[in-house]
Amino acid sequence: MLAIVQGCTDDEAYSKPPEGERGSIADWRTRKQAYVEHLERTNDVGLLRMSCADKLHNILLDLHELGDALWARFRASNRSNVLWYYRSLHAVCKAKAGALGDQGFLGTSRADAMSVRAKSSPT
């Protein structure tokens, strides 16, 4: 379980700015890209499931609680950067689930992504 939790955590080699500070968008994107690449390299289905579930839960909860105000809460600074990250995660999870033959995960991933896409579409 510890290995899965550690695998779902952003790469600690990339430091986050101090609490209350935004940091640069380039640093944010570098850290998020490293995490996406980490998922691309793994064949651990448990890690992929946990990561996808964690990220999906986070974004859906934020959408429900904050609505459009959620985009400002990310260090990415804007909606398009955050959507790039979540779409990248979805693409990796979908590709890895198919490659690893995890059809149950693939079906759930598809349904959940449609939910996020519907809620994140511009009005």
PDB file of N, CA and C in Angstrom:
ATOM      1  N   MET A   1       0.822  -1.185   0.000  1.00  0.00           N
ATOM      2  CA  MET A   1       0.000   0.000   0.000  1.00  0.00           C
ATOM      3  C   MET A   1       0.874   1.261   0.000  1.00  0.00           C
ATOM      4  N   LEU A   2       1.921   1.260   0.788  1.00  0.00           N
ATOM      5  CA  LEU A   2       2.821   2.407   0.838  1.00  0.00           C
ATOM      6  C   LEU A   2       3.405   2.705  -0.543  1.00  0.00           C
ATOM      7  N   ALA A   3       3.785   1.662  -1.276  1.00  0.00           N
ATOM      8  CA  ALA A   3       4.363   1.850  -2.611  1.00  0.00           C
ATOM      9  C   ALA A   3       3.354   2.508  -3.549  1.00  0.00           C
ATOM     10  N   ILE A   4       2.092   2.137  -3.432  1.00  0.00           N
ATOM     11  CA  ILE A   4       1.065   2.745  -4.283  1.00  0.00           C
ATOM     12  C   ILE A   4       0.886   4.217  -3.925  1.00  0.00           C
ATOM     13  N   VAL A   5       0.809   4.524  -2.639  1.00  0.00           N
ATOM     14  CA  VAL A   5       0.655   5.919  -2.210  1.00  0.00           C
ATOM     15  C   VAL A   5       1.846   6.748  -2.677  1.00  0.00           C
ATOM     16  N   GLN A   6       3.046   6.227  -2.508  1.00  0.00           N
ATOM     17  CA  GLN A   6       4.236   6.951  -2.969  1.00  0.00           C
ATOM     18  C   GLN A   6       4.214   7.113  -4.485  1.00  0.00           C
ATOM     19  N   GLY A   7       3.728   6.105  -5.191  1.00  0.00           N
ATOM     20  CA  GLY A   7       3.651   6.179  -6.645  1.00  0.00           C
ATOM     21  C   GLY A   7       2.631   7.178  -7.144  1.00  0.00           C
ATOM     22  N   CYS A   8       1.660   7.524  -6.308  1.00  0.00           N
ATOM     23  CA  CYS A   8       0.628   8.491  -6.677  1.00  0.00           C
ATOM     24  C   CYS A   8       1.004   9.920  -6.304  1.00  0.00           C
ATOM     25  N   THR A   9       2.179  10.107  -5.758  1.00  0.00           N
ATOM     26  CA  THR A   9       2.634  11.421  -5.308  1.00  0.00           C
ATOM     27  C   THR A   9       3.532  12.053  -6.363  1.00  0.00           C
ATOM     28  N   ASP A  10       3.352  13.362  -6.566  1.00  0.00           N
ATOM     29  CA  ASP A  10       4.229  14.080  -7.492  1.00  0.00           C
ATOM     30  C   ASP A  10       5.674  13.798  -7.140  1.00  0.00           C
ATOM     31  N   ASP A  11       6.521  13.841  -8.134  1.00  0.00           N
ATOM     32  CA  ASP A  11       7.944  13.590  -7.945  1.00  0.00           C
ATOM     33  C   ASP A  11       8.522  14.591  -6.946  1.00  0.00           C
ATOM     34  N   GLU A  12       9.040  14.071  -5.855  1.00  0.00           N
ATOM     35  CA  GLU A  12       9.603  14.925  -4.811  1.00  0.00           C
ATOM     36  C   GLU A  12      10.904  15.606  -5.253  1.00  0.00           C
ATOM     37  N   ALA A  13      11.473  15.180  -6.368  1.00  0.00           N
ATOM     38  CA  ALA A  13      12.689  15.820  -6.872  1.00  0.00           C
ATOM     39  C   ALA A  13      12.391  17.235  -7.367  1.00  0.00           C
ATOM     40  N   TYR A  14      11.116  17.496  -7.647  1.00  0.00           N
ATOM     41  CA  TYR A  14      10.713  18.827  -8.113  1.00  0.00           C
ATOM     42  C   TYR A  14      10.057  19.545  -6.939  1.00  0.00           C
ATOM     43  N   SER A  15      10.687  20.571  -6.459  1.00  0.00           N
ATOM     44  CA  SER A  15      10.167  21.248  -5.272  1.00  0.00           C
ATOM     45  C   SER A  15       8.981  22.141  -5.624  1.00  0.00           C
ATOM     46  N   LYS A  16       8.048  22.191  -4.693  1.00  0.00           N
ATOM     47  CA  LYS A  16       6.900  23.076  -4.820  1.00  0.00           C
ATOM     48  C   LYS A  16       7.264  24.403  -4.168  1.00  0.00           C
ATOM     49  N   PRO A  17       6.639  25.488  -4.618  1.00  0.00           N
ATOM     50  CA  PRO A  17       6.904  26.770  -3.969  1.00  0.00           C
ATOM     51  C   PRO A  17       6.331  26.762  -2.548  1.00  0.00           C
ATOM     52  N   PRO A  18       6.801  27.661  -1.709  1.00  0.00           N
ATOM     53  CA  PRO A  18       6.275  27.739  -0.337  1.00  0.00           C
ATOM     54  C   PRO A  18       4.757  27.959  -0.341  1.00  0.00           C
ATOM     55  N   GLU A  19       4.115  27.469   0.711  1.00  0.00           N
ATOM     56  CA  GLU A  19       2.665  27.630   0.855  1.00  0.00           C
ATOM     57  C   GLU A  19       2.294  29.104   0.695  1.00  0.00           C
ATOM     58  N   GLY A  20       1.249  29.365  -0.061  1.00  0.00           N
ATOM     59  CA  GLY A  20       0.798  30.737  -0.272  1.00  0.00           C
ATOM     60  C   GLY A  20       1.433  31.419  -1.471  1.00  0.00           C
ATOM     61  N   GLU A  21       2.478  30.815  -2.030  1.00  0.00           N
ATOM     62  CA  GLU A  21       3.120  31.379  -3.225  1.00  0.00           C
ATOM     63  C   GLU A  21       2.758  30.526  -4.433  1.00  0.00           C
ATOM     64  N   ARG A  22       2.570  31.155  -5.556  1.00  0.00           N
ATOM     65  CA  ARG A  22       2.166  30.458  -6.772  1.00  0.00           C
ATOM     66  C   ARG A  22       3.309  29.680  -7.422  1.00  0.00           C
ATOM     67  N   GLY A  23       4.477  30.244  -7.471  1.00  0.00           N
ATOM     68  CA  GLY A  23       5.550  29.610  -8.227  1.00  0.00           C
ATOM     69  C   GLY A  23       5.324  29.834  -9.716  1.00  0.00           C
ATOM     70  N   SER A  24       6.225  29.349 -10.517  1.00  0.00           N
ATOM     71  CA  SER A  24       6.080  29.585 -11.951  1.00  0.00           C
ATOM     72  C   SER A  24       5.249  28.479 -12.604  1.00  0.00           C
ATOM     73  N   ILE A  25       4.561  28.851 -13.654  1.00  0.00           N
ATOM     74  CA  ILE A  25       3.777  27.881 -14.413  1.00  0.00           C
ATOM     75  C   ILE A  25       4.714  26.855 -15.040  1.00  0.00           C
ATOM     76  N   ALA A  26       5.890  27.290 -15.464  1.00  0.00           N
ATOM     77  CA  ALA A  26       6.859  26.360 -16.057  1.00  0.00           C
ATOM     78  C   ALA A  26       7.275  25.289 -15.055  1.00  0.00           C
ATOM     79  N   ASP A  27       7.506  25.677 -13.809  1.00  0.00           N
ATOM     80  CA  ASP A  27       7.858  24.703 -12.770  1.00  0.00           C
ATOM     81  C   ASP A  27       6.703  23.743 -12.513  1.00  0.00           C
ATOM     82  N   TRP A  28       5.495  24.271 -12.454  1.00  0.00           N
ATOM     83  CA  TRP A  28       4.303  23.435 -12.251  1.00  0.00           C
ATOM     84  C   TRP A  28       4.192  22.406 -13.375  1.00  0.00           C
ATOM     85  N   ARG A  29       4.326  22.897 -14.596  1.00  0.00           N
ATOM     86  CA  ARG A  29       4.165  21.999 -15.747  1.00  0.00           C
ATOM     87  C   ARG A  29       5.271  20.937 -15.774  1.00  0.00           C
ATOM     88  N   THR A  30       6.495  21.302 -15.442  1.00  0.00           N
ATOM     89  CA  THR A  30       7.604  20.344 -15.398  1.00  0.00           C
ATOM     90  C   THR A  30       7.303  19.237 -14.387  1.00  0.00           C
ATOM     91  N   ARG A  31       6.798  19.632 -13.215  1.00  0.00           N
ATOM     92  CA  ARG A  31       6.477  18.656 -12.170  1.00  0.00           C
ATOM     93  C   ARG A  31       5.333  17.740 -12.597  1.00  0.00           C
ATOM     94  N   LYS A  32       4.317  18.315 -13.206  1.00  0.00           N
ATOM     95  CA  LYS A  32       3.171  17.517 -13.654  1.00  0.00           C
ATOM     96  C   LYS A  32       3.557  16.610 -14.818  1.00  0.00           C
ATOM     97  N   GLN A  33       4.390  17.106 -15.729  1.00  0.00           N
ATOM     98  CA  GLN A  33       4.847  16.283 -16.851  1.00  0.00           C
ATOM     99  C   GLN A  33       5.655  15.096 -16.340  1.00  0.00           C
ATOM    100  N   ALA A  34       6.473  15.323 -15.328  1.00  0.00           N
ATOM    101  CA  ALA A  34       7.254  14.229 -14.734  1.00  0.00           C
ATOM    102  C   ALA A  34       6.325  13.169 -14.155  1.00  0.00           C
ATOM    103  N   TYR A  35       5.228  13.584 -13.535  1.00  0.00           N
ATOM    104  CA  TYR A  35       4.278  12.625 -12.967  1.00  0.00           C
ATOM    105  C   TYR A  35       3.585  11.829 -14.066  1.00  0.00           C
ATOM    106  N   VAL A  36       3.181  12.501 -15.126  1.00  0.00           N
ATOM    107  CA  VAL A  36       2.549  11.813 -16.259  1.00  0.00           C
ATOM    108  C   VAL A  36       3.517  10.783 -16.845  1.00  0.00           C
ATOM    109  N   GLU A  37       4.769  11.161 -17.001  1.00  0.00           N
ATOM    110  CA  GLU A  37       5.777  10.237 -17.538  1.00  0.00           C
ATOM    111  C   GLU A  37       6.021   9.067 -16.589  1.00  0.00           C
ATOM    112  N   HIS A  38       5.944   9.326 -15.293  1.00  0.00           N
ATOM    113  CA  HIS A  38       6.063   8.258 -14.295  1.00  0.00           C
ATOM    114  C   HIS A  38       4.952   7.225 -14.511  1.00  0.00           C
ATOM    115  N   LEU A  39       3.730   7.681 -14.721  1.00  0.00           N
ATOM    116  CA  LEU A  39       2.622   6.757 -14.970  1.00  0.00           C
ATOM    117  C   LEU A  39       2.797   6.014 -16.294  1.00  0.00           C
ATOM    118  N   GLU A  40       3.345   6.692 -17.289  1.00  0.00           N
ATOM    119  CA  GLU A  40       3.584   6.044 -18.578  1.00  0.00           C
ATOM    120  C   GLU A  40       4.562   4.872 -18.448  1.00  0.00           C
ATOM    121  N   ARG A  41       5.480   4.964 -17.506  1.00  0.00           N
ATOM    122  CA  ARG A  41       6.506   3.918 -17.350  1.00  0.00           C
ATOM    123  C   ARG A  41       6.054   2.734 -16.498  1.00  0.00           C
ATOM    124  N   THR A  42       4.995   2.901 -15.717  1.00  0.00           N
ATOM    125  CA  THR A  42       4.623   1.829 -14.796  1.00  0.00           C
ATOM    126  C   THR A  42       3.738   0.771 -15.453  1.00  0.00           C
ATOM    127  N   ASN A  43       3.845  -0.440 -14.953  1.00  0.00           N
ATOM    128  CA  ASN A  43       2.938  -1.520 -15.337  1.00  0.00           C
ATOM    129  C   ASN A  43       2.151  -2.000 -14.127  1.00  0.00           C
ATOM    130  N   ASP A  44       2.179  -1.217 -13.065  1.00  0.00           N
ATOM    131  CA  ASP A  44       1.490  -1.552 -11.827  1.00  0.00           C
ATOM    132  C   ASP A  44       0.026  -1.111 -11.932  1.00  0.00           C
ATOM    133  N   VAL A  45      -0.867  -2.081 -12.144  1.00  0.00           N
ATOM    134  CA  VAL A  45      -2.283  -1.774 -12.320  1.00  0.00           C
ATOM    135  C   VAL A  45      -2.856  -1.113 -11.063  1.00  0.00           C
ATOM    136  N   GLY A  46      -2.429  -1.568  -9.886  1.00  0.00           N
ATOM    137  CA  GLY A  46      -2.906  -0.963  -8.647  1.00  0.00           C
ATOM    138  C   GLY A  46      -2.549   0.507  -8.560  1.00  0.00           C
ATOM    139  N   LEU A  47      -1.329   0.841  -8.942  1.00  0.00           N
ATOM    140  CA  LEU A  47      -0.887   2.235  -8.944  1.00  0.00           C
ATOM    141  C   LEU A  47      -1.712   3.052  -9.927  1.00  0.00           C
ATOM    142  N   LEU A  48      -1.920   2.520 -11.127  1.00  0.00           N
ATOM    143  CA  LEU A  48      -2.707   3.241 -12.131  1.00  0.00           C
ATOM    144  C   LEU A  48      -4.136   3.460 -11.652  1.00  0.00           C
ATOM    145  N   ARG A  49      -4.741   2.424 -11.082  1.00  0.00           N
ATOM    146  CA  ARG A  49      -6.108   2.562 -10.576  1.00  0.00           C
ATOM    147  C   ARG A  49      -6.183   3.608  -9.464  1.00  0.00           C
ATOM    148  N   MET A  50      -5.263   3.532  -8.529  1.00  0.00           N
ATOM    149  CA  MET A  50      -5.278   4.465  -7.402  1.00  0.00           C
ATOM    150  C   MET A  50      -5.037   5.896  -7.878  1.00  0.00           C
ATOM    151  N   SER A  51      -4.079   6.080  -8.767  1.00  0.00           N
ATOM    152  CA  SER A  51      -3.782   7.417  -9.263  1.00  0.00           C
ATOM    153  C   SER A  51      -4.978   8.006  -9.991  1.00  0.00           C
ATOM    154  N   CYS A  52      -5.552   7.225 -10.880  1.00  0.00           N
ATOM    155  CA  CYS A  52      -6.707   7.702 -11.644  1.00  0.00           C
ATOM    156  C   CYS A  52      -7.866   8.028 -10.704  1.00  0.00           C
ATOM    157  N   ALA A  53      -8.143   7.141  -9.746  1.00  0.00           N
ATOM    158  CA  ALA A  53      -9.244   7.364  -8.802  1.00  0.00           C
ATOM    159  C   ALA A  53      -8.986   8.608  -7.951  1.00  0.00           C
ATOM    160  N   ASP A  54      -7.752   8.775  -7.488  1.00  0.00           N
ATOM    161  CA  ASP A  54      -7.397   9.923  -6.660  1.00  0.00           C
ATOM    162  C   ASP A  54      -7.571  11.229  -7.422  1.00  0.00           C
ATOM    163  N   LYS A  55      -7.036  11.285  -8.626  1.00  0.00           N
ATOM    164  CA  LYS A  55      -7.114  12.520  -9.408  1.00  0.00           C
ATOM    165  C   LYS A  55      -8.553  12.825  -9.797  1.00  0.00           C
ATOM    166  N   LEU A  56      -9.296  11.785 -10.191  1.00  0.00           N
ATOM    167  CA  LEU A  56     -10.694  11.981 -10.569  1.00  0.00           C
ATOM    168  C   LEU A  56     -11.505  12.467  -9.369  1.00  0.00           C
ATOM    169  N   HIS A  57     -11.305  11.842  -8.226  1.00  0.00           N
ATOM    170  CA  HIS A  57     -12.007  12.267  -7.014  1.00  0.00           C
ATOM    171  C   HIS A  57     -11.704  13.731  -6.706  1.00  0.00           C
ATOM    172  N   ASN A  58     -10.433  14.094  -6.777  1.00  0.00           N
ATOM    173  CA  ASN A  58     -10.034  15.470  -6.458  1.00  0.00           C
ATOM    174  C   ASN A  58     -10.719  16.488  -7.361  1.00  0.00           C
ATOM    175  N   ILE A  59     -10.690  16.248  -8.672  1.00  0.00           N
ATOM    176  CA  ILE A  59     -11.245  17.241  -9.595  1.00  0.00           C
ATOM    177  C   ILE A  59     -12.766  17.294  -9.510  1.00  0.00           C
ATOM    178  N   LEU A  60     -13.409  16.141  -9.348  1.00  0.00           N
ATOM    179  CA  LEU A  60     -14.875  16.141  -9.251  1.00  0.00           C
ATOM    180  C   LEU A  60     -15.337  16.800  -7.950  1.00  0.00           C
ATOM    181  N   LEU A  61     -14.646  16.526  -6.861  1.00  0.00           N
ATOM    182  CA  LEU A  61     -14.998  17.158  -5.590  1.00  0.00           C
ATOM    183  C   LEU A  61     -14.825  18.673  -5.681  1.00  0.00           C
ATOM    184  N   ASP A  62     -13.697  19.107  -6.264  1.00  0.00           N
ATOM    185  CA  ASP A  62     -13.458  20.539  -6.421  1.00  0.00           C
ATOM    186  C   ASP A  62     -14.504  21.187  -7.327  1.00  0.00           C
ATOM    187  N   LEU A  63     -14.862  20.513  -8.416  1.00  0.00           N
ATOM    188  CA  LEU A  63     -15.891  21.055  -9.299  1.00  0.00           C
ATOM    189  C   LEU A  63     -17.212  21.198  -8.558  1.00  0.00           C
ATOM    190  N   HIS A  64     -17.547  20.189  -7.778  1.00  0.00           N
ATOM    191  CA  HIS A  64     -18.796  20.219  -7.020  1.00  0.00           C
ATOM    192  C   HIS A  64     -18.781  21.321  -5.962  1.00  0.00           C
ATOM    193  N   GLU A  65     -17.693  21.429  -5.218  1.00  0.00           N
ATOM    194  CA  GLU A  65     -17.627  22.384  -4.109  1.00  0.00           C
ATOM    195  C   GLU A  65     -17.342  23.818  -4.542  1.00  0.00           C
ATOM    196  N   LEU A  66     -16.508  23.987  -5.570  1.00  0.00           N
ATOM    197  CA  LEU A  66     -16.041  25.323  -5.930  1.00  0.00           C
ATOM    198  C   LEU A  66     -16.585  25.846  -7.249  1.00  0.00           C
ATOM    199  N   GLY A  67     -17.080  24.960  -8.093  1.00  0.00           N
ATOM    200  CA  GLY A  67     -17.515  25.392  -9.419  1.00  0.00           C
ATOM    201  C   GLY A  67     -16.333  25.953 -10.199  1.00  0.00           C
ATOM    202  N   ASP A  68     -16.577  26.989 -10.966  1.00  0.00           N
ATOM    203  CA  ASP A  68     -15.517  27.578 -11.792  1.00  0.00           C
ATOM    204  C   ASP A  68     -14.392  28.214 -10.981  1.00  0.00           C
ATOM    205  N   ALA A  69     -14.614  28.477  -9.714  1.00  0.00           N
ATOM    206  CA  ALA A  69     -13.567  29.062  -8.869  1.00  0.00           C
ATOM    207  C   ALA A  69     -12.414  28.079  -8.653  1.00  0.00           C
ATOM    208  N   LEU A  70     -12.643  26.808  -8.938  1.00  0.00           N
ATOM    209  CA  LEU A  70     -11.584  25.819  -8.708  1.00  0.00           C
ATOM    210  C   LEU A  70     -10.348  26.080  -9.558  1.00  0.00           C
ATOM    211  N   TRP A  71     -10.485  26.658 -10.731  1.00  0.00           N
ATOM    212  CA  TRP A  71      -9.330  26.839 -11.622  1.00  0.00           C
ATOM    213  C   TRP A  71      -8.290  27.757 -10.997  1.00  0.00           C
ATOM    214  N   ALA A  72      -8.720  28.719 -10.217  1.00  0.00           N
ATOM    215  CA  ALA A  72      -7.795  29.672  -9.601  1.00  0.00           C
ATOM    216  C   ALA A  72      -7.004  29.051  -8.450  1.00  0.00           C
ATOM    217  N   ARG A  73      -7.486  27.941  -7.920  1.00  0.00           N
ATOM    218  CA  ARG A  73      -6.823  27.321  -6.777  1.00  0.00           C
ATOM    219  C   ARG A  73      -5.563  26.564  -7.165  1.00  0.00           C
ATOM    220  N   PHE A  74      -5.397  26.228  -8.424  1.00  0.00           N
ATOM    221  CA  PHE A  74      -4.227  25.490  -8.888  1.00  0.00           C
ATOM    222  C   PHE A  74      -3.058  26.427  -9.146  1.00  0.00           C
ATOM    223  N   ARG A  75      -1.862  25.943  -8.913  1.00  0.00           N
ATOM    224  CA  ARG A  75      -0.658  26.725  -9.211  1.00  0.00           C
ATOM    225  C   ARG A  75      -0.512  26.937 -10.716  1.00  0.00           C
ATOM    226  N   ALA A  76      -1.213  26.134 -11.497  1.00  0.00           N
ATOM    227  CA  ALA A  76      -1.134  26.242 -12.952  1.00  0.00           C
ATOM    228  C   ALA A  76      -1.658  27.578 -13.439  1.00  0.00           C
ATOM    229  N   SER A  77      -2.452  28.230 -12.607  1.00  0.00           N
ATOM    230  CA  SER A  77      -2.888  29.584 -12.866  1.00  0.00           C
ATOM    231  C   SER A  77      -4.095  29.707 -13.784  1.00  0.00           C
ATOM    232  N   ASN A  78      -4.358  28.728 -14.625  1.00  0.00           N
ATOM    233  CA  ASN A  78      -5.533  28.859 -15.472  1.00  0.00           C
ATOM    234  C   ASN A  78      -6.121  27.496 -15.857  1.00  0.00           C
ATOM    235  N   ARG A  79      -7.336  27.566 -16.312  1.00  0.00           N
ATOM    236  CA  ARG A  79      -8.126  26.381 -16.645  1.00  0.00           C
ATOM    237  C   ARG A  79      -7.459  25.502 -17.702  1.00  0.00           C
ATOM    238  N   SER A  80      -6.918  26.095 -18.740  1.00  0.00           N
ATOM    239  CA  SER A  80      -6.348  25.299 -19.834  1.00  0.00           C
ATOM    240  C   SER A  80      -5.152  24.468 -19.374  1.00  0.00           C
ATOM    241  N   ASN A  81      -4.337  25.004 -18.481  1.00  0.00           N
ATOM    242  CA  ASN A  81      -3.206  24.237 -17.952  1.00  0.00           C
ATOM    243  C   ASN A  81      -3.685  23.051 -17.117  1.00  0.00           C
ATOM    244  N   VAL A  82      -4.682  23.282 -16.277  1.00  0.00           N
ATOM    245  CA  VAL A  82      -5.208  22.204 -15.430  1.00  0.00           C
ATOM    246  C   VAL A  82      -5.842  21.125 -16.302  1.00  0.00           C
ATOM    247  N   LEU A  83      -6.607  21.533 -17.300  1.00  0.00           N
ATOM    248  CA  LEU A  83      -7.238  20.551 -18.193  1.00  0.00           C
ATOM    249  C   LEU A  83      -6.189  19.768 -18.978  1.00  0.00           C
ATOM    250  N   TRP A  84      -5.087  20.424 -19.377  1.00  0.00           N
ATOM    251  CA  TRP A  84      -4.000  19.685 -20.040  1.00  0.00           C
ATOM    252  C   TRP A  84      -3.542  18.544 -19.141  1.00  0.00           C
ATOM    253  N   TYR A  85      -3.324  18.828 -17.855  1.00  0.00           N
ATOM    254  CA  TYR A  85      -2.840  17.825 -16.917  1.00  0.00           C
ATOM    255  C   TYR A  85      -3.835  16.675 -16.771  1.00  0.00           C
ATOM    256  N   TYR A  86      -5.088  16.986 -16.533  1.00  0.00           N
ATOM    257  CA  TYR A  86      -6.077  15.931 -16.333  1.00  0.00           C
ATOM    258  C   TYR A  86      -6.334  15.136 -17.611  1.00  0.00           C
ATOM    259  N   ARG A  87      -6.311  15.796 -18.735  1.00  0.00           N
ATOM    260  CA  ARG A  87      -6.458  15.059 -20.004  1.00  0.00           C
ATOM    261  C   ARG A  87      -5.250  14.169 -20.259  1.00  0.00           C
ATOM    262  N   SER A  88      -4.074  14.632 -19.899  1.00  0.00           N
ATOM    263  CA  SER A  88      -2.867  13.802 -20.040  1.00  0.00           C
ATOM    264  C   SER A  88      -2.954  12.578 -19.150  1.00  0.00           C
ATOM    265  N   LEU A  89      -3.416  12.762 -17.912  1.00  0.00           N
ATOM    266  CA  LEU A  89      -3.588  11.631 -17.007  1.00  0.00           C
ATOM    267  C   LEU A  89      -4.594  10.635 -17.559  1.00  0.00           C
ATOM    268  N   HIS A  90      -5.691  11.144 -18.080  1.00  0.00           N
ATOM    269  CA  HIS A  90      -6.706  10.257 -18.647  1.00  0.00           C
ATOM    270  C   HIS A  90      -6.142   9.466 -19.826  1.00  0.00           C
ATOM    271  N   ALA A  91      -5.408  10.125 -20.688  1.00  0.00           N
ATOM    272  CA  ALA A  91      -4.840   9.448 -21.852  1.00  0.00           C
ATOM    273  C   ALA A  91      -3.887   8.335 -21.438  1.00  0.00           C
ATOM    274  N   VAL A  92      -3.063   8.595 -20.433  1.00  0.00           N
ATOM    275  CA  VAL A  92      -2.125   7.581 -19.949  1.00  0.00           C
ATOM    276  C   VAL A  92      -2.887   6.415 -19.333  1.00  0.00           C
ATOM    277  N   CYS A  93      -3.845   6.717 -18.472  1.00  0.00           N
ATOM    278  CA  CYS A  93      -4.609   5.644 -17.823  1.00  0.00           C
ATOM    279  C   CYS A  93      -5.351   4.804 -18.844  1.00  0.00           C
ATOM    280  N   LYS A  94      -5.939   5.441 -19.830  1.00  0.00           N
ATOM    281  CA  LYS A  94      -6.668   4.714 -20.871  1.00  0.00           C
ATOM    282  C   LYS A  94      -5.718   3.828 -21.675  1.00  0.00           C
ATOM    283  N   ALA A  95      -4.594   4.380 -22.088  1.00  0.00           N
ATOM    284  CA  ALA A  95      -3.631   3.606 -22.883  1.00  0.00           C
ATOM    285  C   ALA A  95      -3.055   2.448 -22.078  1.00  0.00           C
ATOM    286  N   LYS A  96      -2.688   2.716 -20.833  1.00  0.00           N
ATOM    287  CA  LYS A  96      -2.087   1.667 -19.999  1.00  0.00           C
ATOM    288  C   LYS A  96      -3.110   0.582 -19.668  1.00  0.00           C
ATOM    289  N   ALA A  97      -4.345   0.961 -19.400  1.00  0.00           N
ATOM    290  CA  ALA A  97      -5.383  -0.029 -19.097  1.00  0.00           C
ATOM    291  C   ALA A  97      -5.581  -0.950 -20.289  1.00  0.00           C
ATOM    292  N   GLY A  98      -5.608  -0.375 -21.480  1.00  0.00           N
ATOM    293  CA  GLY A  98      -5.755  -1.197 -22.687  1.00  0.00           C
ATOM    294  C   GLY A  98      -4.556  -2.104 -22.896  1.00  0.00           C
ATOM    295  N   ALA A  99      -3.373  -1.566 -22.708  1.00  0.00           N
ATOM    296  CA  ALA A  99      -2.146  -2.343 -22.913  1.00  0.00           C
ATOM    297  C   ALA A  99      -2.013  -3.460 -21.884  1.00  0.00           C
ATOM    298  N   LEU A 100      -2.496  -3.210 -20.674  1.00  0.00           N
ATOM    299  CA  LEU A 100      -2.381  -4.203 -19.612  1.00  0.00           C
ATOM    300  C   LEU A 100      -3.592  -5.139 -19.559  1.00  0.00           C
ATOM    301  N   GLY A 101      -4.559  -4.915 -20.454  1.00  0.00           N
ATOM    302  CA  GLY A 101      -5.720  -5.784 -20.522  1.00  0.00           C
ATOM    303  C   GLY A 101      -6.679  -5.624 -19.360  1.00  0.00           C
ATOM    304  N   ASP A 102      -6.717  -4.464 -18.758  1.00  0.00           N
ATOM    305  CA  ASP A 102      -7.589  -4.222 -17.608  1.00  0.00           C
ATOM    306  C   ASP A 102      -8.885  -3.576 -18.101  1.00  0.00           C
ATOM    307  N   GLN A 103      -9.788  -4.387 -18.640  1.00  0.00           N
ATOM    308  CA  GLN A 103     -11.006  -3.876 -19.253  1.00  0.00           C
ATOM    309  C   GLN A 103     -11.949  -3.210 -18.262  1.00  0.00           C
ATOM    310  N   GLY A 104     -12.016  -3.714 -17.025  1.00  0.00           N
ATOM    311  CA  GLY A 104     -12.868  -3.080 -16.019  1.00  0.00           C
ATOM    312  C   GLY A 104     -12.408  -1.662 -15.732  1.00  0.00           C
ATOM    313  N   PHE A 105     -11.119  -1.496 -15.596  1.00  0.00           N
ATOM    314  CA  PHE A 105     -10.552  -0.183 -15.352  1.00  0.00           C
ATOM    315  C   PHE A 105     -10.768   0.718 -16.558  1.00  0.00           C
ATOM    316  N   LEU A 106     -10.599   0.171 -17.738  1.00  0.00           N
ATOM    317  CA  LEU A 106     -10.761   0.945 -18.969  1.00  0.00           C
ATOM    318  C   LEU A 106     -12.181   1.468 -19.092  1.00  0.00           C
ATOM    319  N   GLY A 107     -13.167   0.626 -18.807  1.00  0.00           N
ATOM    320  CA  GLY A 107     -14.563   1.052 -18.890  1.00  0.00           C
ATOM    321  C   GLY A 107     -14.875   2.149 -17.886  1.00  0.00           C
ATOM    322  N   THR A 108     -14.389   2.014 -16.675  1.00  0.00           N
ATOM    323  CA  THR A 108     -14.602   3.027 -15.647  1.00  0.00           C
ATOM    324  C   THR A 108     -13.909   4.323 -16.029  1.00  0.00           C
ATOM    325  N   SER A 109     -12.697   4.208 -16.534  1.00  0.00           N
ATOM    326  CA  SER A 109     -11.939   5.386 -16.937  1.00  0.00           C
ATOM    327  C   SER A 109     -12.696   6.171 -18.008  1.00  0.00           C
ATOM    328  N   ARG A 110     -13.267   5.463 -18.965  1.00  0.00           N
ATOM    329  CA  ARG A 110     -14.001   6.103 -20.045  1.00  0.00           C
ATOM    330  C   ARG A 110     -15.214   6.857 -19.504  1.00  0.00           C
ATOM    331  N   ALA A 111     -15.996   6.206 -18.645  1.00  0.00           N
ATOM    332  CA  ALA A 111     -17.200   6.824 -18.094  1.00  0.00           C
ATOM    333  C   ALA A 111     -16.841   8.037 -17.238  1.00  0.00           C
ATOM    334  N   ASP A 112     -15.820   7.916 -16.425  1.00  0.00           N
ATOM    335  CA  ASP A 112     -15.415   9.015 -15.561  1.00  0.00           C
ATOM    336  C   ASP A 112     -14.892  10.190 -16.365  1.00  0.00           C
ATOM    337  N   ALA A 113     -14.152   9.914 -17.401  1.00  0.00           N
ATOM    338  CA  ALA A 113     -13.607  10.990 -18.231  1.00  0.00           C
ATOM    339  C   ALA A 113     -14.733  11.758 -18.912  1.00  0.00           C
ATOM    340  N   MET A 114     -15.782  11.045 -19.339  1.00  0.00           N
ATOM    341  CA  MET A 114     -16.908  11.722 -19.964  1.00  0.00           C
ATOM    342  C   MET A 114     -17.577  12.654 -18.960  1.00  0.00           C
ATOM    343  N   SER A 115     -17.644  12.236 -17.701  1.00  0.00           N
ATOM    344  CA  SER A 115     -18.221  13.061 -16.659  1.00  0.00           C
ATOM    345  C   SER A 115     -17.411  14.335 -16.455  1.00  0.00           C
ATOM    346  N   VAL A 116     -16.088  14.180 -16.362  1.00  0.00           N
ATOM    347  CA  VAL A 116     -15.214  15.349 -16.180  1.00  0.00           C
ATOM    348  C   VAL A 116     -15.303  16.261 -17.387  1.00  0.00           C
ATOM    349  N   ARG A 117     -15.309  15.680 -18.593  1.00  0.00           N
ATOM    350  CA  ARG A 117     -15.359  16.484 -19.811  1.00  0.00           C
ATOM    351  C   ARG A 117     -16.649  17.305 -19.842  1.00  0.00           C
ATOM    352  N   ALA A 118     -17.774  16.693 -19.479  1.00  0.00           N
ATOM    353  CA  ALA A 118     -19.048  17.393 -19.492  1.00  0.00           C
ATOM    354  C   ALA A 118     -19.046  18.549 -18.497  1.00  0.00           C
ATOM    355  N   LYS A 119     -18.474  18.324 -17.318  1.00  0.00           N
ATOM    356  CA  LYS A 119     -18.466  19.354 -16.282  1.00  0.00           C
ATOM    357  C   LYS A 119     -17.427  20.440 -16.555  1.00  0.00           C
ATOM    358  N   SER A 120     -16.425  20.149 -17.390  1.00  0.00           N
ATOM    359  CA  SER A 120     -15.384  21.149 -17.622  1.00  0.00           C
ATOM    360  C   SER A 120     -15.561  21.877 -18.942  1.00  0.00           C
ATOM    361  N   SER A 121     -16.633  21.549 -19.673  1.00  0.00           N
ATOM    362  CA  SER A 121     -16.871  22.231 -20.954  1.00  0.00           C
ATOM    363  C   SER A 121     -17.298  23.661 -20.693  1.00  0.00           C
ATOM    364  N   PRO A 122     -16.837  24.567 -21.560  1.00  0.00           N
ATOM    365  CA  PRO A 122     -17.233  25.975 -21.379  1.00  0.00           C
ATOM    366  C   PRO A 122     -18.728  26.126 -21.577  1.00  0.00           C
ATOM    367  N   THR A 123     -19.323  27.036 -20.847  1.00  0.00           N
ATOM    368  CA  THR A 123     -20.765  27.259 -20.958  1.00  0.00           C
ATOM    369  C   THR A 123     -21.071  28.437 -21.836  1.00  0.00           C
TER     370      THR A 123
END
